[in-house]
Amino acid sequence: MENLYPDYFKEDDHYSVKVKVAKDPATPPHILEHLSNDDNWMVRSGVALNHNTPPEVLTKLAHSKQRNIRYRVSENPNTPEEVLHWLVVDKGGRTAIEHRKYMEELDKRIEAKKMLAQFLKENGVCIVTLEQLAQQALRGI
């Protein structure tokens, strides 16, 4: 039954079916490998996101000229770490490993701000008053 997938794809050029299969977590690795060679970038992007995609296929997709596909490869937890170190995911030249670290730091900062806001609320501290105190401190008053 597994061999039916590639034959079916030869007959059906409609990319939306392929995209759904590429993103489906139940799709077997050998089908994902087949789909990784598809002409449609959305199909390849779906393969890059799928957690069943074998590391060697992710490594191949990491060489894509399309930034979207490289970015999806960087999001996949099965992407080999050595690939993440050289994989460029944005126009600024940031590697995937740098991007992950940046996003982790950003998440920590957002969480810290949420905790501070909750603390201030629970202790009846007015944000406006806090901002005024901060401004006075900056002016040296």
N, C-alpha and C. Protein backbone atom coordinates (compact mmCIF):
# COMPACT_ATOMS: atom_id res chain seq x y z
N MET A 1 0.81 -1.19 0.00
CA MET A 1 0.00 0.00 0.00
C MET A 1 0.86 1.27 0.00
N GLU A 2 2.01 1.22 0.66
CA GLU A 2 2.88 2.39 0.72
C GLU A 2 3.33 2.82 -0.67
N ASN A 3 3.50 1.88 -1.60
CA ASN A 3 3.96 2.21 -2.94
C ASN A 3 2.91 2.94 -3.78
N LEU A 4 1.67 2.99 -3.31
CA LEU A 4 0.63 3.68 -4.05
C LEU A 4 0.81 5.19 -4.03
N TYR A 5 1.40 5.73 -2.98
CA TYR A 5 1.55 7.18 -2.87
C TYR A 5 2.28 7.80 -4.06
N PRO A 6 3.49 7.35 -4.39
CA PRO A 6 4.18 7.99 -5.50
C PRO A 6 3.43 7.86 -6.82
N ASP A 7 2.81 6.70 -7.09
CA ASP A 7 2.05 6.52 -8.33
C ASP A 7 0.87 7.49 -8.37
N TYR A 8 0.21 7.66 -7.24
CA TYR A 8 -0.92 8.57 -7.17
C TYR A 8 -0.48 10.00 -7.48
N PHE A 9 0.68 10.38 -6.97
CA PHE A 9 1.16 11.74 -7.20
C PHE A 9 1.49 11.98 -8.66
N LYS A 10 1.91 10.94 -9.37
CA LYS A 10 2.22 11.11 -10.79
C LYS A 10 0.97 11.48 -11.57
N GLU A 11 -0.16 10.95 -11.14
CA GLU A 11 -1.42 11.21 -11.82
C GLU A 11 -2.06 12.52 -11.39
N ASP A 12 -1.81 12.95 -10.15
CA ASP A 12 -2.48 14.13 -9.60
C ASP A 12 -1.47 15.26 -9.43
N ASP A 13 -1.55 16.23 -10.30
CA ASP A 13 -0.63 17.35 -10.23
C ASP A 13 -1.13 18.45 -9.30
N HIS A 14 -2.29 18.26 -8.70
CA HIS A 14 -2.83 19.31 -7.84
C HIS A 14 -2.01 19.37 -6.56
N TYR A 15 -1.30 20.47 -6.38
CA TYR A 15 -0.36 20.59 -5.29
C TYR A 15 -1.00 20.54 -3.91
N SER A 16 -2.27 20.94 -3.77
CA SER A 16 -2.88 21.01 -2.44
C SER A 16 -2.94 19.63 -1.78
N VAL A 17 -3.14 18.57 -2.57
CA VAL A 17 -3.15 17.22 -2.02
C VAL A 17 -1.75 16.87 -1.52
N LYS A 18 -0.76 17.20 -2.32
CA LYS A 18 0.63 16.91 -1.94
C LYS A 18 1.03 17.69 -0.69
N VAL A 19 0.61 18.93 -0.59
CA VAL A 19 0.93 19.75 0.58
C VAL A 19 0.35 19.12 1.84
N LYS A 20 -0.89 18.68 1.76
CA LYS A 20 -1.54 18.04 2.91
C LYS A 20 -0.80 16.78 3.33
N VAL A 21 -0.40 15.98 2.36
CA VAL A 21 0.34 14.75 2.67
C VAL A 21 1.71 15.10 3.24
N ALA A 22 2.36 16.12 2.67
CA ALA A 22 3.68 16.52 3.14
C ALA A 22 3.65 16.99 4.59
N LYS A 23 2.57 17.64 5.00
CA LYS A 23 2.46 18.16 6.37
C LYS A 23 1.91 17.13 7.36
N ASP A 24 1.31 16.07 6.85
CA ASP A 24 0.66 15.07 7.70
C ASP A 24 1.70 14.32 8.54
N PRO A 25 1.57 14.35 9.88
CA PRO A 25 2.54 13.68 10.74
C PRO A 25 2.56 12.16 10.59
N ALA A 26 1.54 11.60 9.94
CA ALA A 26 1.49 10.15 9.73
C ALA A 26 2.15 9.72 8.42
N THR A 27 2.60 10.68 7.62
CA THR A 27 3.22 10.34 6.34
C THR A 27 4.57 9.66 6.59
N PRO A 28 4.78 8.49 5.98
CA PRO A 28 6.05 7.77 6.18
C PRO A 28 7.25 8.52 5.60
N PRO A 29 8.41 8.32 6.20
CA PRO A 29 9.62 9.01 5.74
C PRO A 29 9.93 8.82 4.25
N HIS A 30 9.70 7.64 3.70
CA HIS A 30 10.07 7.44 2.29
C HIS A 30 9.16 8.25 1.36
N ILE A 31 7.93 8.52 1.78
CA ILE A 31 7.04 9.37 0.99
C ILE A 31 7.51 10.82 1.09
N LEU A 32 7.92 11.23 2.29
CA LEU A 32 8.44 12.58 2.48
C LEU A 32 9.70 12.80 1.63
N GLU A 33 10.52 11.77 1.56
CA GLU A 33 11.72 11.88 0.73
C GLU A 33 11.33 12.09 -0.73
N HIS A 34 10.32 11.35 -1.19
CA HIS A 34 9.83 11.51 -2.56
C HIS A 34 9.30 12.93 -2.77
N LEU A 35 8.50 13.42 -1.83
CA LEU A 35 7.90 14.75 -1.95
C LEU A 35 8.94 15.86 -1.86
N SER A 36 10.08 15.60 -1.24
CA SER A 36 11.11 16.63 -1.10
C SER A 36 11.69 17.04 -2.46
N ASN A 37 11.42 16.25 -3.49
CA ASN A 37 11.90 16.55 -4.84
C ASN A 37 10.83 17.20 -5.71
N ASP A 38 9.68 17.51 -5.12
CA ASP A 38 8.57 18.07 -5.88
C ASP A 38 8.94 19.45 -6.43
N ASP A 39 8.37 19.79 -7.57
CA ASP A 39 8.62 21.10 -8.19
C ASP A 39 7.99 22.25 -7.41
N ASN A 40 6.93 21.97 -6.67
CA ASN A 40 6.20 23.01 -5.96
C ASN A 40 6.87 23.31 -4.62
N TRP A 41 7.20 24.58 -4.39
CA TRP A 41 7.90 24.97 -3.16
C TRP A 41 7.03 24.74 -1.92
N MET A 42 5.71 24.83 -2.05
CA MET A 42 4.84 24.63 -0.88
C MET A 42 4.86 23.17 -0.42
N VAL A 43 5.01 22.26 -1.36
CA VAL A 43 5.12 20.84 -1.03
C VAL A 43 6.44 20.62 -0.28
N ARG A 44 7.53 21.15 -0.83
CA ARG A 44 8.84 20.99 -0.18
C ARG A 44 8.86 21.65 1.19
N SER A 45 8.17 22.78 1.33
CA SER A 45 8.09 23.46 2.61
C SER A 45 7.35 22.60 3.63
N GLY A 46 6.28 21.93 3.20
CA GLY A 46 5.55 21.01 4.08
C GLY A 46 6.42 19.86 4.54
N VAL A 47 7.23 19.34 3.64
CA VAL A 47 8.17 18.27 3.99
C VAL A 47 9.16 18.77 5.04
N ALA A 48 9.65 19.98 4.84
CA ALA A 48 10.64 20.55 5.77
C ALA A 48 10.08 20.70 7.17
N LEU A 49 8.79 20.95 7.29
CA LEU A 49 8.15 21.10 8.60
C LEU A 49 7.82 19.78 9.28
N ASN A 50 7.67 18.74 8.51
CA ASN A 50 7.18 17.46 9.04
C ASN A 50 8.24 16.80 9.93
N HIS A 51 7.83 16.41 11.13
CA HIS A 51 8.75 15.80 12.09
C HIS A 51 9.16 14.38 11.71
N ASN A 52 8.51 13.79 10.72
CA ASN A 52 8.90 12.47 10.23
C ASN A 52 9.96 12.54 9.14
N THR A 53 10.28 13.74 8.70
CA THR A 53 11.27 13.88 7.63
C THR A 53 12.64 13.47 8.15
N PRO A 54 13.30 12.55 7.44
CA PRO A 54 14.62 12.09 7.87
C PRO A 54 15.67 13.22 7.84
N PRO A 55 16.62 13.19 8.75
CA PRO A 55 17.66 14.23 8.80
C PRO A 55 18.39 14.46 7.48
N GLU A 56 18.64 13.39 6.72
CA GLU A 56 19.36 13.56 5.45
C GLU A 56 18.51 14.33 4.43
N VAL A 57 17.20 14.18 4.50
CA VAL A 57 16.31 14.94 3.61
C VAL A 57 16.29 16.41 4.05
N LEU A 58 16.26 16.64 5.36
CA LEU A 58 16.30 18.01 5.87
C LEU A 58 17.61 18.69 5.48
N THR A 59 18.69 17.96 5.52
CA THR A 59 19.99 18.50 5.13
C THR A 59 19.96 18.92 3.66
N LYS A 60 19.35 18.08 2.82
CA LYS A 60 19.23 18.41 1.39
C LYS A 60 18.37 19.67 1.22
N LEU A 61 17.24 19.73 1.92
CA LEU A 61 16.35 20.89 1.80
C LEU A 61 16.99 22.16 2.35
N ALA A 62 17.94 22.02 3.25
CA ALA A 62 18.63 23.19 3.81
C ALA A 62 19.44 23.93 2.76
N HIS A 63 19.72 23.28 1.65
CA HIS A 63 20.47 23.89 0.56
C HIS A 63 19.57 24.61 -0.44
N SER A 64 18.28 24.65 -0.16
CA SER A 64 17.34 25.29 -1.08
C SER A 64 17.68 26.76 -1.29
N LYS A 65 17.41 27.25 -2.48
CA LYS A 65 17.59 28.67 -2.76
C LYS A 65 16.48 29.50 -2.15
N GLN A 66 15.38 28.83 -1.79
CA GLN A 66 14.24 29.55 -1.24
C GLN A 66 14.36 29.66 0.28
N ARG A 67 14.38 30.90 0.74
CA ARG A 67 14.53 31.17 2.17
C ARG A 67 13.42 30.54 2.99
N ASN A 68 12.20 30.52 2.46
CA ASN A 68 11.07 29.94 3.18
C ASN A 68 11.33 28.48 3.53
N ILE A 69 11.87 27.74 2.60
CA ILE A 69 12.15 26.32 2.86
C ILE A 69 13.28 26.18 3.87
N ARG A 70 14.33 26.98 3.73
CA ARG A 70 15.43 26.93 4.71
C ARG A 70 14.92 27.27 6.11
N TYR A 71 14.02 28.26 6.18
CA TYR A 71 13.46 28.65 7.47
C TYR A 71 12.67 27.49 8.09
N ARG A 72 11.87 26.80 7.27
CA ARG A 72 11.10 25.66 7.77
C ARG A 72 12.02 24.54 8.25
N VAL A 73 13.11 24.32 7.53
CA VAL A 73 14.10 23.33 7.96
C VAL A 73 14.64 23.71 9.33
N SER A 74 14.88 24.99 9.54
CA SER A 74 15.43 25.44 10.83
C SER A 74 14.46 25.22 11.97
N GLU A 75 13.15 25.18 11.68
CA GLU A 75 12.14 24.97 12.71
C GLU A 75 11.96 23.50 13.06
N ASN A 76 12.44 22.60 12.23
CA ASN A 76 12.24 21.18 12.45
C ASN A 76 13.22 20.66 13.50
N PRO A 77 12.71 20.04 14.58
CA PRO A 77 13.61 19.55 15.64
C PRO A 77 14.53 18.41 15.19
N ASN A 78 14.27 17.80 14.05
CA ASN A 78 15.11 16.71 13.56
C ASN A 78 16.25 17.18 12.68
N THR A 79 16.34 18.48 12.44
CA THR A 79 17.44 19.00 11.64
C THR A 79 18.74 18.84 12.42
N PRO A 80 19.73 18.21 11.82
CA PRO A 80 21.00 18.02 12.52
C PRO A 80 21.60 19.36 12.98
N GLU A 81 22.19 19.35 14.16
CA GLU A 81 22.73 20.59 14.73
C GLU A 81 23.81 21.21 13.86
N GLU A 82 24.62 20.37 13.21
CA GLU A 82 25.67 20.93 12.35
C GLU A 82 25.06 21.71 11.19
N VAL A 83 23.89 21.32 10.74
CA VAL A 83 23.20 22.05 9.68
C VAL A 83 22.71 23.40 10.22
N LEU A 84 22.20 23.39 11.43
CA LEU A 84 21.70 24.63 12.03
C LEU A 84 22.80 25.68 12.17
N HIS A 85 24.04 25.24 12.34
CA HIS A 85 25.15 26.18 12.52
C HIS A 85 25.51 26.93 11.24
N TRP A 86 25.25 26.34 10.09
CA TRP A 86 25.60 27.05 8.84
C TRP A 86 24.39 27.48 8.04
N LEU A 87 23.22 27.03 8.43
CA LEU A 87 22.01 27.34 7.67
C LEU A 87 21.61 28.80 7.88
N VAL A 88 21.58 29.56 6.81
CA VAL A 88 21.19 30.97 6.88
C VAL A 88 19.69 31.05 6.63
N VAL A 89 18.96 31.72 7.56
CA VAL A 89 17.51 31.73 7.48
C VAL A 89 16.90 33.10 7.21
N ASP A 90 17.72 34.16 7.21
CA ASP A 90 17.12 35.47 6.94
C ASP A 90 18.07 36.35 6.14
N LYS A 91 17.56 37.48 5.69
CA LYS A 91 18.34 38.38 4.85
C LYS A 91 19.56 38.94 5.57
N GLY A 92 19.49 39.02 6.88
CA GLY A 92 20.60 39.54 7.66
C GLY A 92 21.74 38.56 7.81
N GLY A 93 21.58 37.36 7.27
CA GLY A 93 22.64 36.37 7.36
C GLY A 93 22.65 35.59 8.66
N ARG A 94 21.57 35.69 9.43
CA ARG A 94 21.50 34.98 10.70
C ARG A 94 21.39 33.47 10.45
N THR A 95 22.19 32.70 11.16
CA THR A 95 22.09 31.25 11.02
C THR A 95 20.91 30.74 11.84
N ALA A 96 20.50 29.52 11.55
CA ALA A 96 19.36 28.93 12.24
C ALA A 96 19.62 28.81 13.74
N ILE A 97 20.83 28.46 14.12
CA ILE A 97 21.15 28.31 15.55
C ILE A 97 21.08 29.68 16.23
N GLU A 98 21.55 30.74 15.55
CA GLU A 98 21.45 32.09 16.11
C GLU A 98 19.98 32.51 16.22
N HIS A 99 19.20 32.15 15.21
CA HIS A 99 17.77 32.49 15.23
C HIS A 99 17.07 31.81 16.40
N ARG A 100 17.37 30.53 16.61
CA ARG A 100 16.74 29.81 17.74
C ARG A 100 17.11 30.45 19.06
N LYS A 101 18.38 30.79 19.23
CA LYS A 101 18.82 31.43 20.47
C LYS A 101 18.14 32.78 20.66
N TYR A 102 18.03 33.54 19.57
CA TYR A 102 17.36 34.84 19.62
C TYR A 102 15.91 34.68 20.05
N MET A 103 15.21 33.71 19.46
CA MET A 103 13.80 33.49 19.79
C MET A 103 13.64 33.02 21.24
N GLU A 104 14.56 32.20 21.72
CA GLU A 104 14.50 31.76 23.12
C GLU A 104 14.69 32.95 24.05
N GLU A 105 15.64 33.83 23.73
CA GLU A 105 15.88 35.03 24.55
C GLU A 105 14.68 35.95 24.51
N LEU A 106 14.09 36.11 23.35
CA LEU A 106 12.90 36.94 23.21
C LEU A 106 11.75 36.38 24.06
N ASP A 107 11.57 35.08 24.02
CA ASP A 107 10.53 34.44 24.84
C ASP A 107 10.77 34.69 26.33
N LYS A 108 12.03 34.62 26.75
CA LYS A 108 12.36 34.87 28.16
C LYS A 108 12.03 36.31 28.54
N ARG A 109 12.34 37.26 27.66
CA ARG A 109 12.06 38.67 27.94
C ARG A 109 10.56 38.93 28.03
N ILE A 110 9.81 38.33 27.13
CA ILE A 110 8.35 38.49 27.15
C ILE A 110 7.79 37.92 28.44
N GLU A 111 8.26 36.75 28.83
CA GLU A 111 7.79 36.13 30.07
C GLU A 111 8.16 36.99 31.28
N ALA A 112 9.35 37.56 31.29
CA ALA A 112 9.76 38.42 32.41
C ALA A 112 8.87 39.66 32.49
N LYS A 113 8.53 40.24 31.35
CA LYS A 113 7.64 41.41 31.34
C LYS A 113 6.26 41.05 31.86
N LYS A 114 5.78 39.87 31.49
CA LYS A 114 4.47 39.42 31.97
C LYS A 114 4.50 39.24 33.49
N MET A 115 5.57 38.65 33.99
CA MET A 115 5.70 38.44 35.43
C MET A 115 5.77 39.76 36.17
N LEU A 116 6.52 40.73 35.64
CA LEU A 116 6.63 42.04 36.26
C LEU A 116 5.27 42.74 36.28
N ALA A 117 4.55 42.69 35.17
CA ALA A 117 3.24 43.31 35.10
C ALA A 117 2.29 42.68 36.12
N GLN A 118 2.34 41.37 36.25
CA GLN A 118 1.49 40.68 37.22
C GLN A 118 1.86 41.08 38.65
N PHE A 119 3.15 41.17 38.94
CA PHE A 119 3.62 41.58 40.27
C PHE A 119 3.13 42.99 40.60
N LEU A 120 3.29 43.89 39.63
CA LEU A 120 2.86 45.27 39.86
C LEU A 120 1.36 45.34 40.09
N LYS A 121 0.62 44.59 39.35
CA LYS A 121 -0.84 44.58 39.48
C LYS A 121 -1.25 44.03 40.85
N GLU A 122 -0.63 42.94 41.26
CA GLU A 122 -0.96 42.31 42.54
C GLU A 122 -0.59 43.20 43.72
N ASN A 123 0.41 44.06 43.55
CA ASN A 123 0.87 44.92 44.64
C ASN A 123 0.37 46.35 44.51
N GLY A 124 -0.55 46.57 43.59
CA GLY A 124 -1.19 47.88 43.48
C GLY A 124 -0.29 49.00 43.00
N VAL A 125 0.75 48.66 42.26
CA VAL A 125 1.65 49.69 41.74
C VAL A 125 1.12 50.15 40.38
N CYS A 126 0.93 51.44 40.26
CA CYS A 126 0.42 52.01 39.02
C CYS A 126 1.57 52.12 38.02
N ILE A 127 1.35 51.63 36.82
CA ILE A 127 2.37 51.66 35.77
C ILE A 127 2.79 53.09 35.46
N VAL A 128 1.84 54.01 35.45
CA VAL A 128 2.15 55.41 35.16
C VAL A 128 3.10 55.96 36.21
N THR A 129 2.84 55.67 37.47
CA THR A 129 3.71 56.11 38.56
C THR A 129 5.11 55.53 38.38
N LEU A 130 5.17 54.26 38.02
CA LEU A 130 6.46 53.60 37.82
C LEU A 130 7.23 54.25 36.67
N GLU A 131 6.54 54.59 35.60
CA GLU A 131 7.18 55.25 34.46
C GLU A 131 7.69 56.64 34.85
N GLN A 132 6.90 57.36 35.68
CA GLN A 132 7.33 58.69 36.12
C GLN A 132 8.57 58.58 37.00
N LEU A 133 8.61 57.60 37.88
CA LEU A 133 9.79 57.39 38.72
C LEU A 133 11.02 57.06 37.87
N ALA A 134 10.81 56.25 36.85
CA ALA A 134 11.92 55.90 35.97
C ALA A 134 12.47 57.11 35.23
N GLN A 135 11.55 57.97 34.75
CA GLN A 135 11.96 59.20 34.06
C GLN A 135 12.74 60.13 34.99
N GLN A 136 12.26 60.24 36.24
CA GLN A 136 12.95 61.09 37.22
C GLN A 136 14.34 60.53 37.51
N ALA A 137 14.46 59.24 37.59
CA ALA A 137 15.76 58.61 37.85
C ALA A 137 16.72 58.88 36.70
N LEU A 138 16.20 58.84 35.47
CA LEU A 138 17.04 59.10 34.31
C LEU A 138 17.53 60.55 34.26
N ARG A 139 16.69 61.47 34.75
CA ARG A 139 17.06 62.89 34.77
C ARG A 139 17.92 63.23 35.99
N GLY A 140 18.06 62.28 36.89
CA GLY A 140 18.86 62.53 38.08
C GLY A 140 18.17 63.28 39.17
N ILE A 141 16.84 63.25 39.18
CA ILE A 141 16.06 63.99 40.21
C ILE A 141 15.94 63.13 41.44
